[in-house]
Amino acid sequence: MGTIVERVTKYTVSAQMNSKSTADVTKATPSLLNPFKDIVHTITADNGKEFSYHEKISQALSAEVYFAHPCSSWE
């Protein structure tokens, strides 16, 4: 299960994924956020290896990707 939470309103979107692999996360993230593409400006991710293709996510959504500080995934 992959979830994305908007930090101010706590609006949440989620999708079933086969695994936490980089390929699955890279595919699921843009599809979850595509309906909101016009209002998504930044994404803050934790430092997991599943976000190693963050450039592809950034390019697909035309949004900047930032990373939380180590051991601070709530940021």
Protein backbone atom coordinates (compact mmCIF):
# COMPACT_ATOMS: atom_id res chain seq x y z
CA MET A 1 0.00 0.00 0.00
CA GLY A 2 1.35 3.38 -0.92
CA THR A 3 -0.05 6.56 0.58
CA ILE A 4 0.49 10.25 -0.07
CA VAL A 5 -0.70 12.81 2.48
CA GLU A 6 -1.07 16.53 1.86
CA ARG A 7 0.60 18.16 4.85
CA VAL A 8 -1.86 20.99 5.59
CA THR A 9 -5.28 19.45 4.95
CA LYS A 10 -4.19 15.84 5.56
CA TYR A 11 -6.00 14.83 2.35
CA THR A 12 -4.80 11.30 1.59
CA VAL A 13 -4.62 9.25 -1.59
CA SER A 14 -3.52 5.63 -1.60
CA ALA A 15 -3.00 2.73 -3.96
CA GLN A 16 -2.30 -0.95 -3.70
CA MET A 17 1.22 -1.77 -4.89
CA ASN A 18 2.85 -5.14 -5.48
CA SER A 19 5.94 -4.10 -3.53
CA LYS A 20 7.88 -1.15 -2.13
CA SER A 21 10.31 -1.38 -5.04
CA THR A 22 11.67 1.68 -6.78
CA ALA A 23 9.83 0.72 -9.97
CA ASP A 24 6.45 0.36 -8.25
CA VAL A 25 6.79 3.63 -6.32
CA THR A 26 8.00 5.49 -9.42
CA LYS A 27 4.98 4.22 -11.34
CA ALA A 28 2.37 4.73 -8.59
CA THR A 29 3.31 8.22 -7.39
CA PRO A 30 2.60 10.12 -10.64
CA SER A 31 -0.60 8.14 -11.24
CA LEU A 32 -1.86 9.02 -7.74
CA LEU A 33 -1.00 12.70 -8.09
CA ASN A 34 -1.84 13.22 -11.77
CA PRO A 35 -5.42 14.40 -11.01
CA PHE A 36 -3.85 17.13 -8.84
CA LYS A 37 -0.97 17.94 -11.19
CA ASP A 38 -1.91 21.63 -11.48
CA ILE A 39 -1.69 22.18 -7.72
CA VAL A 40 1.22 19.89 -6.84
CA HIS A 41 4.34 22.04 -6.66
CA THR A 42 6.58 20.07 -4.30
CA ILE A 43 6.87 16.55 -2.91
CA THR A 44 8.70 15.76 0.30
CA ALA A 45 9.77 12.13 0.55
CA ASP A 46 11.54 10.14 3.19
CA ASN A 47 15.03 8.82 2.47
CA GLY A 48 14.00 5.30 1.47
CA LYS A 49 15.62 3.64 -1.53
CA GLU A 50 12.20 3.44 -3.19
CA PHE A 51 12.56 7.13 -4.11
CA SER A 52 15.89 6.73 -5.89
CA TYR A 53 14.18 7.54 -9.24
CA HIS A 54 12.81 10.79 -7.85
CA GLU A 55 13.88 12.63 -11.01
CA LYS A 56 11.32 10.66 -13.02
CA ILE A 57 8.57 11.50 -10.53
CA SER A 58 9.61 15.16 -10.58
CA GLN A 59 9.59 15.26 -14.37
CA ALA A 60 6.22 13.48 -14.68
CA LEU A 61 4.52 15.94 -12.33
CA SER A 62 6.59 19.08 -13.06
CA ALA A 63 7.19 19.32 -9.30
CA GLU A 64 10.29 19.65 -7.16
CA VAL A 65 11.16 16.69 -4.93
CA TYR A 66 12.71 17.29 -1.52
CA PHE A 67 13.84 14.82 1.10
CA ALA A 68 13.24 14.81 4.85
CA HIS A 69 16.18 14.83 7.23
CA PRO A 70 17.41 11.34 8.22
CA CYS A 71 15.15 9.64 10.80
CA SER A 72 12.58 12.45 10.37
CA SER A 73 10.08 11.08 7.85
CA TRP A 74 7.28 13.21 9.37
CA GLU A 75 8.81 16.39 7.89
